[in-house]
Amino acid sequence: MAKFTGGCLCGAVRYEVSGEPTRIVNCHCDDCRKVTGAAFATNVFFKESDITVTQGTPKVFQHTSDAGSTMTKEFCGNCGSQLFGSGSRGVGMKGIRAGSMDDPSGVVPALDIYISRKLPGVVLSDNTEHHEEMRPQ
C-alpha cells in the first residue's frame, strides 16, 4: 500500500495518505482556477478515510459551485496553502492539491475536465481524456 505525505508551505499542517489514488485530474473550472491562483488545478483523489492530518488543523471554507454542489476547501490558516478539496457529489472522496505533496513525481493526470473553460494559452496533453465539462459518471 502506497504512502504519500505532504503539507502546507509553512509546515503548520501536515498529512499522510495510505492507499492508492482513485483518479488524478486536471480541472480547468473557474472555481479551481480561483482557489489555486493557477491556470488549472491538479487534484489527486483518494478515499477520505485514507487521509490523516498528522499536524495542525486545516481551516475550512464551504461554498456552492456553479453546478449546485456544496464544495469544501481545506487550507492552512497561517500561510494559506490549499491542501484538500471535496464536494457533495463525491461523498467519501477527497482531492489533494498535487502541489502540496512532498513528492509529486508520480502524479500523472488521466483526465482534463472543464476544458471548455480552460485559459487560451493552456495546451492539453495528448495522454489525457478531455471533457468539455465534468466527466460523465
Protein backbone atom coordinates (compact mmCIF):
# COMPACT_ATOMS: atom_id res chain seq x y z
CA MET A 1 0.00 0.00 0.00
CA ALA A 2 1.43 3.37 -1.01
CA LYS A 3 2.07 6.13 1.49
CA PHE A 4 2.08 9.75 0.47
CA THR A 5 2.94 12.75 2.64
CA GLY A 6 2.57 16.46 2.24
CA GLY A 7 1.69 19.73 3.84
CA CYS A 8 1.48 23.46 3.57
CA LEU A 9 4.23 25.94 2.72
CA CYS A 10 4.93 26.99 6.32
CA GLY A 11 4.80 23.45 7.75
CA ALA A 12 1.98 24.13 10.23
CA VAL A 13 -0.31 21.50 8.63
CA ARG A 14 0.96 18.07 7.58
CA TYR A 15 -0.83 14.98 6.27
CA GLU A 16 -0.19 11.43 5.19
CA VAL A 17 -2.14 9.17 2.88
CA SER A 18 -2.27 5.40 2.74
CA GLY A 19 -3.75 3.70 -0.29
CA GLU A 20 -3.66 4.46 -3.98
CA PRO A 21 -5.20 7.42 -5.78
CA THR A 22 -8.59 6.67 -7.33
CA ARG A 23 -8.01 9.24 -10.08
CA ILE A 24 -5.78 12.18 -10.96
CA VAL A 25 -7.45 15.11 -12.70
CA ASN A 26 -6.50 18.47 -14.17
CA CYS A 27 -9.51 20.71 -13.57
CA HIS A 28 -9.95 23.91 -15.56
CA CYS A 29 -13.17 25.11 -13.89
CA ASP A 30 -13.45 28.68 -12.64
CA ASP A 31 -13.53 27.50 -9.02
CA CYS A 32 -10.27 25.53 -9.24
CA ARG A 33 -8.53 28.38 -11.05
CA LYS A 34 -9.59 30.92 -8.46
CA VAL A 35 -8.82 28.81 -5.40
CA THR A 36 -5.34 27.86 -6.64
CA GLY A 37 -4.45 31.09 -8.43
CA ALA A 38 -3.22 28.98 -11.34
CA ALA A 39 -4.38 28.14 -14.87
CA PHE A 40 -5.83 24.85 -13.59
CA ALA A 41 -5.68 22.58 -10.55
CA THR A 42 -4.16 19.11 -10.50
CA ASN A 43 -6.16 17.12 -7.95
CA VAL A 44 -5.19 13.66 -6.70
CA PHE A 45 -8.28 11.87 -5.36
CA PHE A 46 -8.20 9.38 -2.50
CA LYS A 47 -10.75 7.79 -0.23
CA GLU A 48 -11.31 10.29 2.56
CA SER A 49 -10.67 7.54 5.12
CA ASP A 50 -7.12 7.09 3.73
CA ILE A 51 -6.12 10.70 4.54
CA THR A 52 -4.84 11.59 8.02
CA VAL A 53 -3.88 15.08 9.14
CA THR A 54 -0.80 14.45 11.31
CA GLN A 55 -0.04 18.02 12.39
CA GLY A 56 -2.16 21.14 12.78
CA THR A 57 -5.77 21.65 11.76
CA PRO A 58 -6.74 22.99 8.34
CA LYS A 59 -9.21 25.85 8.12
CA VAL A 60 -12.39 25.10 6.16
CA PHE A 61 -14.29 27.18 3.62
CA GLN A 62 -17.55 26.00 2.03
CA HIS A 63 -19.45 27.40 -0.93
CA THR A 64 -21.89 26.32 -3.64
CA SER A 65 -20.40 25.61 -7.06
CA ASP A 66 -22.00 26.80 -10.29
CA ALA A 67 -23.23 23.20 -10.72
CA GLY A 68 -25.03 23.35 -7.35
CA SER A 69 -22.68 21.14 -5.32
CA THR A 70 -21.51 22.10 -1.85
CA MET A 71 -17.74 22.44 -2.14
CA THR A 72 -15.38 22.25 0.84
CA LYS A 73 -11.87 23.68 0.68
CA GLU A 74 -9.27 22.95 3.38
CA PHE A 75 -6.20 25.15 3.72
CA CYS A 76 -3.56 26.32 6.17
CA GLY A 77 -4.85 29.25 8.22
CA ASN A 78 -1.31 30.55 8.63
CA CYS A 79 0.18 30.56 5.11
CA GLY A 80 -3.00 29.98 3.05
CA SER A 81 -1.72 26.91 1.17
CA GLN A 82 -4.53 24.88 -0.38
CA LEU A 83 -4.42 21.25 0.75
CA PHE A 84 -7.72 19.42 0.15
CA GLY A 85 -10.99 19.81 -1.66
CA SER A 86 -14.20 17.80 -1.65
CA GLY A 87 -17.71 18.11 -2.98
CA SER A 88 -21.16 16.90 -2.03
CA ARG A 89 -21.30 14.80 -5.22
CA GLY A 90 -18.16 12.84 -4.31
CA VAL A 91 -19.11 11.52 -0.89
CA GLY A 92 -16.24 9.67 0.76
CA MET A 93 -13.62 11.10 -1.61
CA LYS A 94 -11.20 13.98 -1.17
CA GLY A 95 -8.88 15.66 -3.63
CA ILE A 96 -5.38 16.58 -2.55
CA ARG A 97 -3.77 19.51 -4.34
CA ALA A 98 -0.81 17.89 -6.11
CA GLY A 99 1.43 20.85 -5.31
CA SER A 100 1.06 20.17 -1.58
CA MET A 101 2.55 16.67 -1.87
CA ASP A 102 6.15 16.20 -0.71
CA ASP A 103 6.94 14.05 -3.74
CA PRO A 104 4.52 14.63 -6.63
CA SER A 105 6.82 12.87 -9.12
CA GLY A 106 4.32 10.01 -9.53
CA VAL A 107 1.38 12.32 -10.24
CA VAL A 108 0.30 11.61 -13.81
CA PRO A 109 -3.12 13.07 -14.67
CA ALA A 110 -5.52 10.86 -16.61
CA LEU A 111 -8.21 13.48 -17.25
CA ASP A 112 -8.62 17.12 -18.15
CA ILE A 113 -12.09 18.35 -17.21
CA TYR A 114 -13.95 21.61 -17.85
CA ILE A 115 -11.76 22.21 -20.89
CA SER A 116 -14.50 24.48 -22.28
CA ARG A 117 -13.29 26.94 -19.63
CA LYS A 118 -9.52 26.48 -19.97
CA LEU A 119 -7.34 29.52 -20.48
CA PRO A 120 -6.37 30.15 -24.13
CA GLY A 121 -2.63 29.51 -23.61
CA VAL A 122 -3.05 26.13 -21.90
CA VAL A 123 -2.03 23.21 -24.11
CA LEU A 124 -3.73 19.91 -23.28
CA SER A 125 -1.78 16.68 -23.14
CA ASP A 126 -2.44 14.03 -25.76
CA ASN A 127 -2.16 11.50 -22.92
CA THR A 128 -5.30 12.57 -21.02
CA GLU A 129 -9.01 12.15 -21.67
CA HIS A 130 -10.58 15.52 -22.45
CA HIS A 131 -14.07 16.50 -21.24
CA GLU A 132 -15.78 19.80 -22.05
CA GLU A 133 -17.37 19.86 -18.59
CA MET A 134 -17.38 17.34 -15.72
CA ARG A 135 -16.59 13.77 -16.68
CA PRO A 136 -19.81 11.74 -17.06
CA GLN A 137 -20.40 9.36 -14.15
